């Protein structure tokens, strides 16, 4: 019994030692608002709020026009035939996020125009101007992260 108590006390001391405690930073719900540059630096997404939920809209692409036709790039991978001709710039590709009151925006979806698929998604900060975007199927373990950086709005 004495060994178990000693182990427990050491464990508590270890997790409470400086540098080992989680520093839970609390954010305000609207901290994610603004324009973000995706990890590949190929697009900018403006996160906005509407009716208490958060959405994202593609506002800039490094290559906004099709290389062959010269016309604006469209959502050619969309499984809905009617949406294949919709321009990528202006597309709302993130929908219905809510803030948990501390650090995460969840309950939303993110659409990937590269493959025409929609994923569950959550967002959380990974630094003062870096946003972790996790898209996943089913449970968040089956997904991937991408990191966006705060950007200035695109110049028209």
N, C-alpha and C. Protein backbone atom coordinates (compact mmCIF):
# COMPACT_ATOMS: atom_id res chain seq x y z
N UNK A 1 0.82 -1.19 0.00
CA UNK A 1 0.00 0.00 0.00
C UNK A 1 0.86 1.26 0.00
N UNK A 2 1.99 1.18 0.75
CA UNK A 2 2.89 2.33 0.82
C UNK A 2 3.48 2.64 -0.55
N UNK A 3 3.79 1.60 -1.36
CA UNK A 3 4.34 1.80 -2.69
C UNK A 3 3.33 2.48 -3.60
N UNK A 4 2.08 2.09 -3.49
CA UNK A 4 1.03 2.69 -4.31
C UNK A 4 0.86 4.16 -3.94
N UNK A 5 0.85 4.46 -2.65
CA UNK A 5 0.73 5.85 -2.20
C UNK A 5 1.91 6.67 -2.68
N UNK A 6 3.12 6.14 -2.57
CA UNK A 6 4.31 6.85 -3.04
C UNK A 6 4.25 7.10 -4.53
N UNK A 7 3.84 6.10 -5.29
CA UNK A 7 3.72 6.25 -6.74
C UNK A 7 2.69 7.33 -7.07
N UNK A 8 1.56 7.31 -6.40
CA UNK A 8 0.51 8.28 -6.62
C UNK A 8 1.01 9.70 -6.34
N UNK A 9 1.72 9.88 -5.23
CA UNK A 9 2.26 11.20 -4.88
C UNK A 9 3.29 11.66 -5.91
N UNK A 10 4.15 10.76 -6.36
CA UNK A 10 5.12 11.11 -7.40
C UNK A 10 4.42 11.50 -8.70
N UNK A 11 3.38 10.75 -9.05
CA UNK A 11 2.62 11.03 -10.25
C UNK A 11 1.99 12.43 -10.17
N UNK A 12 1.37 12.75 -9.05
CA UNK A 12 0.75 14.06 -8.85
C UNK A 12 1.83 15.16 -8.92
N UNK A 13 2.96 14.95 -8.27
CA UNK A 13 4.05 15.94 -8.31
C UNK A 13 4.55 16.14 -9.73
N UNK A 14 4.64 15.05 -10.50
CA UNK A 14 5.12 15.13 -11.87
C UNK A 14 4.17 15.96 -12.74
N UNK A 15 2.89 15.68 -12.66
CA UNK A 15 1.96 16.41 -13.53
C UNK A 15 1.75 17.84 -13.07
N UNK A 16 2.04 18.15 -11.83
CA UNK A 16 1.88 19.51 -11.34
C UNK A 16 3.16 20.34 -11.44
N UNK A 17 4.26 19.71 -11.88
CA UNK A 17 5.52 20.44 -11.95
C UNK A 17 5.46 21.50 -13.04
N UNK A 18 6.24 22.59 -12.88
CA UNK A 18 6.24 23.65 -13.89
C UNK A 18 6.59 23.10 -15.27
N UNK A 19 5.89 23.60 -16.26
CA UNK A 19 6.13 23.16 -17.62
C UNK A 19 5.33 21.93 -18.00
N UNK A 20 4.76 21.25 -17.05
CA UNK A 20 4.01 20.03 -17.35
C UNK A 20 2.50 20.25 -17.27
N UNK A 21 2.08 21.36 -16.75
CA UNK A 21 0.65 21.59 -16.64
C UNK A 21 0.13 22.15 -17.95
N UNK A 22 -1.06 21.76 -18.30
CA UNK A 22 -1.68 22.27 -19.52
C UNK A 22 -2.15 23.69 -19.26
N UNK A 23 -1.77 24.57 -20.12
CA UNK A 23 -2.21 25.96 -19.96
C UNK A 23 -3.41 26.16 -20.86
N UNK A 24 -4.57 26.00 -20.28
CA UNK A 24 -5.80 26.13 -21.03
C UNK A 24 -6.07 27.60 -21.30
N UNK A 25 -5.94 27.96 -22.55
CA UNK A 25 -6.20 29.34 -22.92
C UNK A 25 -7.65 29.45 -23.33
N UNK A 26 -8.30 30.43 -22.80
CA UNK A 26 -9.69 30.64 -23.14
C UNK A 26 -9.77 31.72 -24.21
N UNK A 27 -10.54 31.45 -25.23
CA UNK A 27 -10.72 32.39 -26.33
C UNK A 27 -12.13 32.95 -26.31
N UNK A 28 -12.30 34.03 -27.03
CA UNK A 28 -13.63 34.57 -27.25
C UNK A 28 -14.16 33.96 -28.53
N UNK A 29 -15.45 33.82 -28.61
CA UNK A 29 -16.07 33.15 -29.75
C UNK A 29 -15.67 33.77 -31.09
N UNK A 30 -15.56 35.07 -31.15
CA UNK A 30 -15.29 35.74 -32.41
C UNK A 30 -13.81 35.86 -32.75
N UNK A 31 -12.94 35.24 -31.97
CA UNK A 31 -11.50 35.31 -32.24
C UNK A 31 -11.12 34.71 -33.59
N UNK A 32 -11.92 33.81 -34.12
CA UNK A 32 -11.56 33.19 -35.40
C UNK A 32 -12.00 34.02 -36.60
N UNK A 33 -12.79 35.06 -36.37
CA UNK A 33 -13.28 35.87 -37.49
C UNK A 33 -12.11 36.52 -38.22
N UNK A 34 -12.24 36.61 -39.52
CA UNK A 34 -11.19 37.23 -40.33
C UNK A 34 -10.78 36.33 -41.47
N UNK A 35 -9.70 36.72 -42.12
CA UNK A 35 -9.22 36.00 -43.29
C UNK A 35 -7.99 35.19 -42.94
N UNK A 36 -7.96 33.95 -43.42
CA UNK A 36 -6.91 32.99 -43.10
C UNK A 36 -6.31 32.43 -44.38
N UNK A 37 -4.98 32.31 -44.41
CA UNK A 37 -4.26 31.71 -45.52
C UNK A 37 -4.10 30.22 -45.24
N UNK A 38 -4.48 29.38 -46.20
CA UNK A 38 -4.36 27.94 -45.96
C UNK A 38 -2.89 27.52 -45.91
N UNK A 39 -2.65 26.31 -45.44
CA UNK A 39 -1.30 25.82 -45.19
C UNK A 39 -0.44 25.82 -46.46
N UNK A 40 -1.04 25.52 -47.59
CA UNK A 40 -0.31 25.46 -48.85
C UNK A 40 -0.10 26.84 -49.47
N UNK A 41 -0.70 27.86 -48.88
CA UNK A 41 -0.66 29.24 -49.37
C UNK A 41 -1.27 29.36 -50.77
N UNK A 42 -2.29 28.53 -51.03
CA UNK A 42 -2.96 28.57 -52.33
C UNK A 42 -4.34 29.22 -52.26
N UNK A 43 -4.82 29.48 -51.05
CA UNK A 43 -6.14 30.07 -50.93
C UNK A 43 -6.31 30.81 -49.61
N UNK A 44 -7.26 31.75 -49.63
CA UNK A 44 -7.64 32.46 -48.41
C UNK A 44 -9.12 32.24 -48.16
N UNK A 45 -9.43 32.01 -46.90
CA UNK A 45 -10.80 31.75 -46.47
C UNK A 45 -11.16 32.80 -45.43
N UNK A 46 -12.27 33.46 -45.61
CA UNK A 46 -12.75 34.41 -44.61
C UNK A 46 -13.77 33.71 -43.74
N UNK A 47 -13.49 33.69 -42.43
CA UNK A 47 -14.44 33.12 -41.47
C UNK A 47 -15.35 34.24 -41.00
N UNK A 48 -16.63 33.98 -41.04
CA UNK A 48 -17.63 34.98 -40.66
C UNK A 48 -18.71 34.34 -39.80
N UNK A 49 -19.49 35.20 -39.17
CA UNK A 49 -20.55 34.74 -38.28
C UNK A 49 -21.90 35.13 -38.85
N UNK A 50 -22.83 34.19 -38.76
CA UNK A 50 -24.18 34.44 -39.24
C UNK A 50 -25.16 33.66 -38.37
N UNK A 51 -26.12 34.36 -37.77
CA UNK A 51 -27.12 33.73 -36.91
C UNK A 51 -26.50 32.88 -35.81
N UNK A 52 -25.41 33.37 -35.21
CA UNK A 52 -24.78 32.69 -34.09
C UNK A 52 -23.87 31.53 -34.44
N UNK A 53 -23.71 31.24 -35.73
CA UNK A 53 -22.83 30.15 -36.17
C UNK A 53 -21.72 30.73 -37.06
N UNK A 54 -20.67 29.94 -37.23
CA UNK A 54 -19.50 30.39 -37.98
C UNK A 54 -19.39 29.63 -39.29
N UNK A 55 -18.99 30.38 -40.32
CA UNK A 55 -18.90 29.86 -41.68
C UNK A 55 -17.59 30.32 -42.29
N UNK A 56 -17.19 29.66 -43.37
CA UNK A 56 -15.99 30.06 -44.09
C UNK A 56 -16.26 30.13 -45.58
N UNK A 57 -15.67 31.16 -46.20
CA UNK A 57 -15.90 31.40 -47.62
C UNK A 57 -14.56 31.61 -48.32
N UNK A 58 -14.37 30.97 -49.45
CA UNK A 58 -13.15 31.15 -50.24
C UNK A 58 -13.19 32.55 -50.86
N UNK A 59 -12.17 33.35 -50.55
CA UNK A 59 -12.16 34.72 -51.05
C UNK A 59 -10.98 35.02 -51.98
N UNK A 60 -10.01 34.11 -52.04
CA UNK A 60 -8.85 34.34 -52.90
C UNK A 60 -8.21 33.00 -53.23
N UNK A 61 -7.75 32.86 -54.45
CA UNK A 61 -6.98 31.70 -54.87
C UNK A 61 -5.72 32.18 -55.58
N UNK A 62 -4.61 31.51 -55.34
CA UNK A 62 -3.37 31.88 -56.01
C UNK A 62 -3.55 31.74 -57.52
N UNK A 63 -4.26 30.69 -57.93
CA UNK A 63 -4.55 30.49 -59.34
C UNK A 63 -6.07 30.48 -59.53
N UNK A 64 -6.65 31.66 -59.65
CA UNK A 64 -8.12 31.74 -59.72
C UNK A 64 -8.71 31.28 -61.05
N UNK A 65 -7.88 31.22 -62.09
CA UNK A 65 -8.40 30.86 -63.41
C UNK A 65 -7.84 29.52 -63.87
N UNK A 66 -8.66 28.82 -64.63
CA UNK A 66 -8.26 27.55 -65.22
C UNK A 66 -7.12 27.81 -66.20
N UNK A 67 -6.09 26.97 -66.14
CA UNK A 67 -4.91 27.17 -67.00
C UNK A 67 -5.24 26.96 -68.48
N UNK A 68 -6.20 26.12 -68.79
CA UNK A 68 -6.53 25.81 -70.18
C UNK A 68 -7.48 26.86 -70.76
N UNK A 69 -8.59 27.10 -70.05
CA UNK A 69 -9.63 27.99 -70.60
C UNK A 69 -9.42 29.45 -70.25
N UNK A 70 -8.69 29.71 -69.16
CA UNK A 70 -8.52 31.09 -68.72
C UNK A 70 -9.72 31.62 -67.95
N UNK A 71 -10.76 30.81 -67.83
CA UNK A 71 -11.97 31.21 -67.10
C UNK A 71 -11.80 30.89 -65.63
N UNK A 72 -12.62 31.53 -64.76
CA UNK A 72 -12.53 31.25 -63.32
C UNK A 72 -12.68 29.76 -63.03
N UNK A 73 -11.86 29.26 -62.11
CA UNK A 73 -11.92 27.85 -61.72
C UNK A 73 -13.26 27.54 -61.07
N UNK A 74 -13.78 26.37 -61.38
CA UNK A 74 -15.08 25.96 -60.85
C UNK A 74 -14.94 24.68 -60.05
N UNK A 75 -16.02 24.30 -59.42
CA UNK A 75 -16.07 23.16 -58.50
C UNK A 75 -16.28 21.86 -59.28
N UNK A 76 -15.33 21.51 -60.15
CA UNK A 76 -15.49 20.37 -61.07
C UNK A 76 -15.57 19.02 -60.37
N UNK A 77 -15.08 18.93 -59.12
CA UNK A 77 -15.11 17.65 -58.39
C UNK A 77 -16.40 17.46 -57.60
N UNK A 78 -17.28 18.44 -57.61
CA UNK A 78 -18.52 18.33 -56.84
C UNK A 78 -19.37 17.18 -57.37
N UNK A 79 -19.87 16.32 -56.47
CA UNK A 79 -20.71 15.20 -56.92
C UNK A 79 -22.07 15.65 -57.48
N UNK A 80 -22.49 16.86 -57.16
CA UNK A 80 -23.75 17.40 -57.66
C UNK A 80 -23.48 18.09 -59.01
N UNK A 81 -24.01 17.53 -60.08
CA UNK A 81 -23.78 18.06 -61.43
C UNK A 81 -24.09 19.55 -61.54
N UNK A 82 -25.14 19.99 -60.85
CA UNK A 82 -25.55 21.39 -60.93
C UNK A 82 -24.51 22.33 -60.32
N UNK A 83 -23.66 21.82 -59.40
CA UNK A 83 -22.67 22.66 -58.73
C UNK A 83 -21.29 22.62 -59.37
N UNK A 84 -21.08 21.76 -60.35
CA UNK A 84 -19.78 21.65 -60.99
C UNK A 84 -19.35 22.94 -61.68
N UNK A 85 -20.30 23.76 -62.06
CA UNK A 85 -19.97 25.00 -62.75
C UNK A 85 -19.89 26.20 -61.79
N UNK A 86 -20.08 25.97 -60.51
CA UNK A 86 -20.02 27.06 -59.52
C UNK A 86 -18.56 27.50 -59.33
N UNK A 87 -18.30 28.80 -59.35
CA UNK A 87 -16.93 29.28 -59.14
C UNK A 87 -16.43 28.95 -57.74
N UNK A 88 -15.13 28.66 -57.63
CA UNK A 88 -14.54 28.36 -56.32
C UNK A 88 -14.45 29.63 -55.46
N UNK A 89 -14.05 30.75 -56.08
CA UNK A 89 -13.99 32.00 -55.32
C UNK A 89 -15.42 32.44 -55.03
N UNK A 90 -15.70 32.65 -53.77
CA UNK A 90 -17.05 33.01 -53.34
C UNK A 90 -17.81 31.84 -52.73
N UNK A 91 -17.26 30.64 -52.86
CA UNK A 91 -17.92 29.44 -52.33
C UNK A 91 -17.85 29.41 -50.80
N UNK A 92 -18.96 29.13 -50.15
CA UNK A 92 -18.98 28.89 -48.71
C UNK A 92 -18.68 27.40 -48.53
N UNK A 93 -17.47 27.12 -48.06
CA UNK A 93 -17.04 25.72 -47.95
C UNK A 93 -16.95 25.24 -46.50
N UNK A 94 -17.25 26.12 -45.55
CA UNK A 94 -17.27 25.74 -44.14
C UNK A 94 -18.61 26.20 -43.56
N UNK A 95 -19.27 25.31 -42.83
CA UNK A 95 -20.62 25.63 -42.38
C UNK A 95 -20.90 25.16 -40.96
N UNK A 96 -21.68 25.97 -40.25
CA UNK A 96 -22.37 25.59 -39.00
C UNK A 96 -21.49 25.28 -37.80
N UNK A 97 -20.41 26.02 -37.60
CA UNK A 97 -19.56 25.82 -36.43
C UNK A 97 -20.13 26.59 -35.24
N UNK A 98 -20.00 26.01 -34.05
CA UNK A 98 -20.36 26.69 -32.81
C UNK A 98 -19.16 26.66 -31.88
N UNK A 99 -19.11 27.62 -30.98
CA UNK A 99 -18.00 27.76 -30.06
C UNK A 99 -18.33 27.09 -28.74
N UNK A 100 -17.37 26.36 -28.17
CA UNK A 100 -17.60 25.62 -26.92
C UNK A 100 -17.44 26.47 -25.66
N UNK A 101 -17.09 27.74 -25.82
CA UNK A 101 -16.94 28.62 -24.67
C UNK A 101 -15.52 28.71 -24.16
N UNK A 102 -14.61 27.88 -24.67
CA UNK A 102 -13.22 27.90 -24.20
C UNK A 102 -12.22 27.97 -25.34
N UNK A 103 -12.19 26.91 -26.17
CA UNK A 103 -11.10 26.86 -27.14
C UNK A 103 -11.42 26.18 -28.46
N UNK A 104 -12.62 25.68 -28.65
CA UNK A 104 -12.89 24.90 -29.85
C UNK A 104 -14.19 25.34 -30.53
N UNK A 105 -14.12 25.39 -31.86
CA UNK A 105 -15.29 25.62 -32.69
C UNK A 105 -15.57 24.29 -33.37
N UNK A 106 -16.74 23.72 -33.14
CA UNK A 106 -17.01 22.37 -33.64
C UNK A 106 -18.44 22.26 -34.15
N UNK A 107 -18.81 21.05 -34.56
CA UNK A 107 -20.16 20.79 -35.04
C UNK A 107 -20.37 21.19 -36.48
N UNK A 108 -19.30 21.64 -37.13
CA UNK A 108 -19.43 22.10 -38.50
C UNK A 108 -18.87 21.12 -39.51
N UNK A 109 -18.92 21.54 -40.76
CA UNK A 109 -18.37 20.73 -41.84
C UNK A 109 -17.46 21.60 -42.70
N UNK A 110 -16.55 20.91 -43.39
CA UNK A 110 -15.67 21.58 -44.34
C UNK A 110 -15.72 20.80 -45.64
N UNK A 111 -15.89 21.51 -46.74
CA UNK A 111 -15.94 20.91 -48.06
C UNK A 111 -14.58 21.10 -48.73
N UNK A 112 -14.03 20.03 -49.28
CA UNK A 112 -12.75 20.09 -49.97
C UNK A 112 -13.00 20.05 -51.48
N UNK A 113 -12.84 21.18 -52.17
CA UNK A 113 -13.10 21.19 -53.61
C UNK A 113 -12.08 20.39 -54.42
N UNK A 114 -10.97 20.00 -53.79
CA UNK A 114 -9.97 19.19 -54.51
C UNK A 114 -10.48 17.78 -54.79
N UNK A 115 -11.37 17.28 -53.90
CA UNK A 115 -11.88 15.92 -54.10
C UNK A 115 -13.42 15.84 -54.07
N UNK A 116 -14.08 16.96 -53.84
CA UNK A 116 -15.54 16.97 -53.85
C UNK A 116 -16.19 16.34 -52.63
N UNK A 117 -15.44 16.22 -51.53
CA UNK A 117 -15.97 15.57 -50.33
C UNK A 117 -16.16 16.57 -49.20
N UNK A 118 -17.14 16.28 -48.36
CA UNK A 118 -17.42 17.09 -47.17
C UNK A 118 -17.06 16.28 -45.94
N UNK A 119 -16.38 16.94 -45.00
CA UNK A 119 -15.91 16.28 -43.79
C UNK A 119 -16.44 17.00 -42.56
N UNK A 120 -16.61 16.26 -41.47
CA UNK A 120 -16.84 16.90 -40.18
C UNK A 120 -15.57 17.66 -39.86
N UNK A 121 -15.69 18.67 -39.02
CA UNK A 121 -14.52 19.51 -38.79
C UNK A 121 -14.62 20.22 -37.44
N UNK A 122 -13.45 20.47 -36.85
CA UNK A 122 -13.39 21.40 -35.72
C UNK A 122 -12.17 22.29 -35.89
N UNK A 123 -12.21 23.42 -35.21
CA UNK A 123 -11.17 24.44 -35.31
C UNK A 123 -10.69 24.79 -33.91
N UNK A 124 -9.39 25.02 -33.76
CA UNK A 124 -8.85 25.52 -32.50
C UNK A 124 -7.54 26.23 -32.78
N UNK A 125 -7.20 27.18 -31.92
CA UNK A 125 -5.97 27.93 -32.10
C UNK A 125 -4.77 27.06 -31.74
N UNK A 126 -3.68 27.30 -32.48
CA UNK A 126 -2.39 26.65 -32.22
C UNK A 126 -1.32 27.75 -32.19
N UNK A 127 -1.63 28.81 -31.47
CA UNK A 127 -0.77 29.98 -31.39
C UNK A 127 -1.63 31.21 -31.61
N UNK A 128 -1.06 32.39 -31.43
CA UNK A 128 -1.87 33.60 -31.52
C UNK A 128 -2.44 33.89 -32.90
N UNK A 129 -1.76 33.46 -33.96
CA UNK A 129 -2.28 33.73 -35.31
C UNK A 129 -2.23 32.48 -36.18
N UNK A 130 -2.35 31.32 -35.55
CA UNK A 130 -2.35 30.04 -36.27
C UNK A 130 -3.57 29.25 -35.84
N UNK A 131 -4.30 28.75 -36.83
CA UNK A 131 -5.53 28.01 -36.58
C UNK A 131 -5.36 26.57 -37.05
N UNK A 132 -5.64 25.64 -36.15
CA UNK A 132 -5.62 24.22 -36.50
C UNK A 132 -7.01 23.87 -37.03
N UNK A 133 -7.05 23.32 -38.22
CA UNK A 133 -8.30 22.89 -38.85
C UNK A 133 -8.22 21.37 -38.98
N UNK A 134 -9.12 20.66 -38.32
CA UNK A 134 -9.11 19.20 -38.37
C UNK A 134 -10.36 18.71 -39.07
N UNK A 135 -10.16 18.11 -40.22
CA UNK A 135 -11.25 17.49 -40.96
C UNK A 135 -11.21 15.99 -40.74
N UNK A 136 -12.38 15.37 -40.61
CA UNK A 136 -12.39 13.94 -40.31
C UNK A 136 -13.68 13.28 -40.77
N UNK A 137 -13.61 11.95 -40.81
CA UNK A 137 -14.77 11.13 -41.16
C UNK A 137 -15.15 10.35 -39.91
N UNK A 138 -16.37 10.44 -39.48
CA UNK A 138 -16.83 9.67 -38.32
C UNK A 138 -16.30 10.24 -37.02
N UNK A 139 -15.14 9.75 -36.58
CA UNK A 139 -14.53 10.23 -35.34
C UNK A 139 -13.26 11.01 -35.67
N UNK A 140 -12.90 11.94 -34.81
CA UNK A 140 -11.79 12.83 -35.13
C UNK A 140 -10.44 12.12 -35.23
N UNK A 141 -10.36 10.87 -34.76
CA UNK A 141 -9.12 10.11 -34.92
C UNK A 141 -8.84 9.78 -36.38
N UNK A 142 -9.92 9.71 -37.18
CA UNK A 142 -9.79 9.37 -38.59
C UNK A 142 -9.85 10.66 -39.42
N UNK A 143 -8.77 11.41 -39.37
CA UNK A 143 -8.76 12.66 -40.10
C UNK A 143 -7.36 13.22 -40.24
N UNK A 144 -7.30 14.49 -40.62
CA UNK A 144 -6.00 15.13 -40.74
C UNK A 144 -6.12 16.60 -40.34
N UNK A 145 -4.98 17.13 -39.96
CA UNK A 145 -4.89 18.53 -39.57
C UNK A 145 -4.27 19.33 -40.70
N UNK A 146 -4.68 20.55 -40.77
CA UNK A 146 -4.01 21.54 -41.60
C UNK A 146 -3.96 22.81 -40.75
N UNK A 147 -2.97 23.64 -41.00
CA UNK A 147 -2.78 24.83 -40.18
C UNK A 147 -2.85 26.07 -41.04
N UNK A 148 -3.70 27.00 -40.63
CA UNK A 148 -3.89 28.24 -41.36
C UNK A 148 -3.29 29.39 -40.56
N UNK A 149 -2.84 30.41 -41.27
CA UNK A 149 -2.30 31.60 -40.61
C UNK A 149 -3.18 32.80 -40.91
N UNK A 150 -3.27 33.67 -39.92
CA UNK A 150 -4.08 34.89 -40.06
C UNK A 150 -3.51 35.70 -41.20
N UNK A 151 -4.36 36.25 -42.00
CA UNK A 151 -3.96 36.96 -43.20
C UNK A 151 -4.68 38.29 -43.30
N UNK A 152 -4.24 39.08 -44.21
CA UNK A 152 -4.97 40.31 -44.51
C UNK A 152 -6.02 39.96 -45.56
N UNK A 153 -7.11 40.68 -45.57
CA UNK A 153 -8.13 40.41 -46.60
C UNK A 153 -7.55 40.61 -47.99
N UNK A 154 -8.04 39.87 -48.98
CA UNK A 154 -7.53 40.03 -50.34
C UNK A 154 -7.82 41.42 -50.89
N UNK A 155 -6.92 41.90 -51.71
CA UNK A 155 -7.11 43.19 -52.37
C UNK A 155 -7.78 42.96 -53.72
N UNK A 156 -8.87 43.65 -53.95
CA UNK A 156 -9.59 43.48 -55.23
C UNK A 156 -9.07 44.41 -56.27
